Amino acid sequence: MTKPGAAQQEDVPVHVLHADGASGTVLVCEHASAFFPPELNALGLPPDMQKGHAAWDPGALAVARRMSERLDAPLVAGAVSRLIYDCNRPPEAASAILDQSEGRDIPGNIGLSGADRADRVVRYYLPFEAAVRDTMDAANARVLVTVHSFTPIFMRQTRDVEIGILHDSDTRLADAMLSTAARHTALNVQRNAPYGPEDGVTHTLKLHGQSRGIPNVMLEIRNDLIATAQQQQDVAEMLAGWVAQALAALEAAA
């Protein structure tokens, strides 16, 4: 686990940024990096897949970093490509280590032995999970927010949703954010879209949010909305504002 200011291309599984954030909110960005450790030879992927949305969530880290500053919240960010190990999946999930993405092979993941998969778990998932847990403990976390991006076109299907506000069985923060968004934006904001709990995407929320009984939410941003530095800052400011207003509404209703 590294601290703020650490190089973003080290062969480490996780970075913790703004570790001294004192608001009680903790941010997580599982798919923050498209880095492949040299010994994995980029899993044999062509260059377009190494840098494309299959490998990471473009723009998500920049948004999460600005939200971290705005909310005074620690940020735990994955430091290797999700194609090596998807830290928003438990070890028993087949989707934790994909051998195909959008119908394209991931050569370095095909035919992995049980020992190979276990090694990925030990090297990448367990340190990430420990970093989230330790950061939340240190911050006396009262709120968990995870930040993701998604592609406008997936499997040749265009997605109209622009911002997704996702939840599992605890809907408190998502409900309050959806209410806030309805009053403050003309963007297409939807509940549990383009993914939902049935797609296995709420692992971090359940493991680190629901287990503690604290409000939690997963944010999905269509990546064409955060393609530039200015867009990333603008969207981060907007989402941080929604989080802050939603939390104020929850506190007022308590």
Protein backbone atom coordinates (compact mmCIF):
# COMPACT_ATOMS: atom_id res chain seq x y z
CA MET A 1 0.00 0.00 0.00
CA THR A 2 1.41 3.39 -0.95
CA LYS A 3 0.76 6.87 0.34
CA PRO A 4 -0.09 10.15 -1.42
CA GLY A 5 2.50 11.21 -3.93
CA ALA A 6 3.59 7.68 -4.80
CA ALA A 7 4.42 7.02 -8.45
CA GLN A 8 1.45 5.73 -10.38
CA GLN A 9 3.41 3.18 -12.43
CA GLU A 10 5.01 1.17 -9.64
CA ASP A 11 4.31 -2.54 -9.50
CA VAL A 12 2.11 -2.26 -6.42
CA PRO A 13 -1.51 -3.39 -6.12
CA VAL A 14 -3.05 -0.30 -4.54
CA HIS A 15 -2.58 3.40 -3.77
CA VAL A 16 -4.10 5.33 -0.89
CA LEU A 17 -4.48 9.04 -1.60
CA HIS A 18 -5.47 11.87 0.75
CA ALA A 19 -5.15 9.36 3.59
CA ASP A 20 -5.72 12.05 6.22
CA GLY A 21 -9.18 12.97 4.89
CA ALA A 22 -11.31 13.61 7.95
CA SER A 23 -14.91 13.81 6.75
CA GLY A 24 -15.86 10.20 7.50
CA THR A 25 -16.49 9.53 3.80
CA VAL A 26 -14.18 7.05 2.03
CA LEU A 27 -13.87 6.83 -1.77
CA VAL A 28 -12.80 3.72 -3.68
CA CYS A 29 -11.80 3.48 -7.36
CA GLU A 30 -11.22 -0.18 -8.10
CA HIS A 31 -10.51 0.21 -11.84
CA ALA A 32 -8.27 3.28 -11.67
CA SER A 33 -5.27 1.96 -13.61
CA ALA A 34 -4.34 0.39 -16.94
CA PHE A 35 -0.91 -0.63 -15.66
CA PHE A 36 0.40 -4.13 -16.43
CA PRO A 37 3.43 -5.35 -14.44
CA PRO A 38 6.20 -6.11 -16.95
CA GLU A 39 6.43 -9.79 -16.02
CA LEU A 40 2.84 -10.32 -17.19
CA ASN A 41 3.69 -9.08 -20.71
CA ALA A 42 0.40 -7.12 -20.86
CA LEU A 43 -1.39 -10.50 -20.83
CA GLY A 44 -0.56 -10.78 -24.53
CA LEU A 45 -3.07 -8.04 -25.39
CA PRO A 46 -2.85 -5.78 -28.44
CA PRO A 47 -2.18 -2.09 -27.70
CA ASP A 48 -5.79 -0.99 -28.13
CA MET A 49 -6.97 -3.40 -25.45
CA GLN A 50 -4.14 -2.45 -23.10
CA LYS A 51 -5.36 1.16 -23.01
CA GLY A 52 -9.07 0.71 -23.72
CA HIS A 53 -12.03 0.53 -21.35
CA ALA A 54 -11.67 -3.24 -21.04
CA ALA A 55 -8.44 -2.68 -19.10
CA TRP A 56 -9.60 0.12 -16.81
CA ASP A 57 -12.19 2.88 -16.24
CA PRO A 58 -10.91 5.89 -18.22
CA GLY A 59 -11.33 9.17 -16.36
CA ALA A 60 -12.55 7.58 -13.14
CA LEU A 61 -9.38 8.16 -11.12
CA ALA A 62 -9.22 11.85 -12.05
CA VAL A 63 -12.84 12.30 -11.00
CA ALA A 64 -12.31 10.36 -7.78
CA ARG A 65 -9.21 12.39 -6.89
CA ARG A 66 -11.07 15.68 -7.26
CA MET A 67 -14.01 14.29 -5.27
CA SER A 68 -11.55 13.22 -2.59
CA GLU A 69 -10.29 16.79 -2.27
CA ARG A 70 -13.78 18.29 -2.36
CA LEU A 71 -15.20 15.88 0.24
CA ASP A 72 -12.03 15.66 2.39
CA ALA A 73 -12.17 11.90 1.91
CA PRO A 74 -9.44 9.27 1.66
CA LEU A 75 -9.30 7.51 -1.72
CA VAL A 76 -8.27 3.89 -2.24
CA ALA A 77 -7.34 3.28 -5.90
CA GLY A 78 -6.39 0.13 -7.74
CA ALA A 79 -2.90 0.29 -9.25
CA VAL A 80 -3.05 -2.46 -11.89
CA SER A 81 -5.41 -3.28 -14.74
CA ARG A 82 -8.67 -4.94 -13.83
CA LEU A 83 -7.87 -7.59 -16.47
CA ILE A 84 -5.17 -8.88 -14.13
CA TYR A 85 -7.68 -9.03 -11.28
CA ASP A 86 -10.95 -7.15 -10.89
CA CYS A 87 -10.87 -5.91 -7.30
CA ASN A 88 -14.63 -5.36 -7.36
CA ARG A 89 -15.11 -9.13 -7.50
CA PRO A 90 -14.55 -11.79 -4.84
CA PRO A 91 -12.02 -14.56 -5.55
CA GLU A 92 -14.73 -17.14 -6.17
CA ALA A 93 -16.30 -15.08 -8.99
CA ALA A 94 -15.47 -16.24 -12.51
CA SER A 95 -15.47 -12.58 -13.59
CA ALA A 96 -12.61 -11.74 -11.21
CA ILE A 97 -10.16 -12.88 -13.91
CA LEU A 98 -11.69 -12.75 -17.38
CA ASP A 99 -10.41 -14.79 -20.31
CA GLN A 100 -12.53 -12.75 -22.76
CA SER A 101 -13.81 -9.18 -22.91
CA GLU A 102 -16.43 -8.14 -25.46
CA GLY A 103 -15.73 -11.32 -27.39
CA ARG A 104 -11.97 -10.76 -27.55
CA ASP A 105 -9.52 -13.19 -25.98
CA ILE A 106 -7.25 -12.22 -23.10
CA PRO A 107 -4.39 -14.63 -23.84
CA GLY A 108 -2.60 -14.29 -20.52
CA ASN A 109 -5.73 -15.33 -18.63
CA ILE A 110 -6.65 -18.36 -20.71
CA GLY A 111 -6.01 -21.70 -19.08
CA LEU A 112 -4.86 -20.34 -15.73
CA SER A 113 -4.35 -23.05 -13.14
CA GLY A 114 -5.90 -22.89 -9.72
CA ALA A 115 -2.48 -21.98 -8.35
CA ASP A 116 -2.12 -19.16 -10.88
CA ARG A 117 -5.52 -17.73 -9.90
CA ALA A 118 -4.68 -18.04 -6.22
CA ASP A 119 -1.43 -16.15 -6.85
CA ARG A 120 -3.36 -13.27 -8.46
CA VAL A 121 -5.66 -13.18 -5.44
CA VAL A 122 -2.72 -12.97 -3.05
CA ARG A 123 -0.78 -10.42 -5.09
CA TYR A 124 -3.61 -8.07 -6.08
CA TYR A 125 -6.98 -8.65 -4.42
CA LEU A 126 -6.00 -9.27 -0.81
CA PRO A 127 -3.76 -6.16 -0.53
CA PHE A 128 -6.49 -4.04 -2.12
CA GLU A 129 -9.17 -5.38 0.19
CA ALA A 130 -6.90 -4.83 3.20
CA ALA A 131 -6.18 -1.26 2.10
CA VAL A 132 -9.89 -0.48 1.88
CA ARG A 133 -10.58 -2.05 5.25
CA ASP A 134 -7.63 -0.34 6.96
CA THR A 135 -8.44 3.02 5.41
CA MET A 136 -12.04 2.80 6.52
CA ASP A 137 -10.99 1.83 10.02
CA ALA A 138 -8.51 4.71 10.24
CA ALA A 139 -11.06 7.20 8.89
CA ASN A 140 -13.83 5.97 11.19
CA ALA A 141 -15.81 5.65 7.97
CA ARG A 142 -19.45 6.63 8.01
CA VAL A 143 -20.02 6.65 4.22
CA LEU A 144 -18.60 4.62 1.29
CA VAL A 145 -18.64 5.86 -2.33
CA THR A 146 -17.09 3.94 -5.23
CA VAL A 147 -16.32 5.64 -8.55
CA HIS A 148 -16.39 4.01 -12.00
CA SER A 149 -16.78 4.89 -15.67
CA PHE A 150 -18.40 2.99 -18.54
CA THR A 151 -18.23 3.06 -22.31
CA PRO A 152 -21.00 4.74 -24.36
CA ILE A 153 -21.18 1.69 -26.67
CA PHE A 154 -20.95 -1.86 -25.34
CA MET A 155 -21.27 -4.94 -27.53
CA ARG A 156 -22.50 -2.64 -30.34
CA GLN A 157 -25.31 -1.30 -28.15
CA THR A 158 -25.53 2.44 -27.48
CA ARG A 159 -26.15 3.44 -23.88
CA ASP A 160 -28.34 6.46 -23.23
CA VAL A 161 -27.72 6.59 -19.49
CA GLU A 162 -25.06 9.16 -18.59
CA ILE A 163 -24.74 8.76 -14.82
CA GLY A 164 -25.60 5.58 -12.98
CA ILE A 165 -26.31 5.57 -9.25
CA LEU A 166 -26.00 1.99 -8.07
CA HIS A 167 -26.81 0.21 -4.85
CA ASP A 168 -27.37 -3.22 -3.41
CA SER A 169 -29.95 -3.79 -0.65
CA ASP A 170 -29.05 -0.57 1.20
CA THR A 171 -30.73 2.14 -0.87
CA ARG A 172 -30.40 5.10 1.51
CA LEU A 173 -27.63 7.07 -0.15
CA ALA A 174 -28.68 6.14 -3.70
CA ASP A 175 -32.26 7.27 -3.01
CA ALA A 176 -31.08 10.60 -1.63
CA MET A 177 -28.65 11.16 -4.51
CA LEU A 178 -31.26 10.33 -7.14
CA SER A 179 -33.60 12.85 -5.52
CA THR A 180 -30.84 15.47 -5.50
CA ALA A 181 -29.87 14.75 -9.12
CA ALA A 182 -33.47 15.11 -10.29
CA ARG A 183 -33.47 18.68 -9.01
CA HIS A 184 -30.06 19.73 -10.29
CA THR A 185 -29.25 18.24 -13.70
CA ALA A 186 -30.67 17.52 -17.12
CA LEU A 187 -28.31 14.56 -17.52
CA ASN A 188 -29.80 11.11 -17.96
CA VAL A 189 -29.33 9.74 -14.43
CA GLN A 190 -30.63 6.24 -13.72
CA ARG A 191 -30.79 3.81 -10.82
CA ASN A 192 -28.70 0.62 -11.15
CA ALA A 193 -27.67 1.33 -14.73
CA PRO A 194 -25.88 0.39 -16.90
CA TYR A 195 -25.23 -2.36 -14.35
CA GLY A 196 -26.92 -3.54 -11.19
CA PRO A 197 -26.49 -6.00 -8.32
CA GLU A 198 -27.48 -8.88 -10.61
CA ASP A 199 -24.28 -8.22 -12.59
CA GLY A 200 -22.07 -8.79 -9.56
CA VAL A 201 -20.83 -5.19 -9.40
CA THR A 202 -21.69 -4.42 -5.77
CA HIS A 203 -18.98 -6.53 -4.12
CA THR A 204 -17.12 -3.57 -2.57
CA LEU A 205 -20.36 -1.99 -1.38
CA LYS A 206 -21.45 -5.19 0.35
CA LEU A 207 -18.07 -6.12 1.80
CA HIS A 208 -17.08 -2.70 3.12
CA GLY A 209 -20.30 -0.68 3.31
CA GLN A 210 -23.25 -2.88 4.09
CA SER A 211 -21.19 -5.00 6.49
CA ARG A 212 -20.62 -1.86 8.57
CA GLY A 213 -24.20 -0.67 8.28
CA ILE A 214 -23.14 2.63 6.70
CA PRO A 215 -24.69 4.39 3.67
CA ASN A 216 -22.96 3.38 0.46
CA VAL A 217 -23.27 3.97 -3.27
CA MET A 218 -21.51 3.14 -6.54
CA LEU A 219 -21.24 5.87 -9.17
CA GLU A 220 -20.95 5.03 -12.89
CA ILE A 221 -20.05 7.88 -15.29
CA ARG A 222 -20.25 7.50 -19.06
CA ASN A 223 -16.67 8.04 -20.10
CA ASP A 224 -17.34 10.46 -22.95
CA LEU A 225 -18.47 12.92 -20.25
CA ILE A 226 -15.05 12.81 -18.57
CA ALA A 227 -12.68 12.66 -21.52
CA THR A 228 -10.90 15.96 -20.76
CA ALA A 229 -9.39 17.43 -17.60
CA GLN A 230 -12.05 20.14 -17.49
CA GLN A 231 -14.86 17.61 -17.87
CA GLN A 232 -13.34 15.50 -15.13
CA GLN A 233 -13.22 18.45 -12.76
CA ASP A 234 -16.74 19.58 -13.63
CA VAL A 235 -18.26 16.14 -13.16
CA ALA A 236 -16.32 15.60 -9.94
CA GLU A 237 -17.61 18.88 -8.53
CA MET A 238 -21.15 17.96 -9.53
CA LEU A 239 -21.03 14.48 -8.01
CA ALA A 240 -19.33 15.65 -4.84
CA GLY A 241 -22.09 18.21 -4.46
CA TRP A 242 -24.74 15.51 -4.88
CA VAL A 243 -23.04 13.35 -2.25
CA ALA A 244 -22.82 16.24 0.20
CA GLN A 245 -26.45 17.27 -0.32
CA ALA A 246 -27.67 13.68 -0.07
CA LEU A 247 -25.78 13.14 3.18
CA ALA A 248 -27.21 16.36 4.60
CA ALA A 249 -30.71 15.16 3.69
CA LEU A 250 -30.09 11.80 5.39
CA GLU A 251 -28.82 13.51 8.52
CA ALA A 252 -31.83 15.84 8.58
CA ALA A 253 -34.20 12.90 8.29
CA ALA A 254 -32.49 10.86 11.02
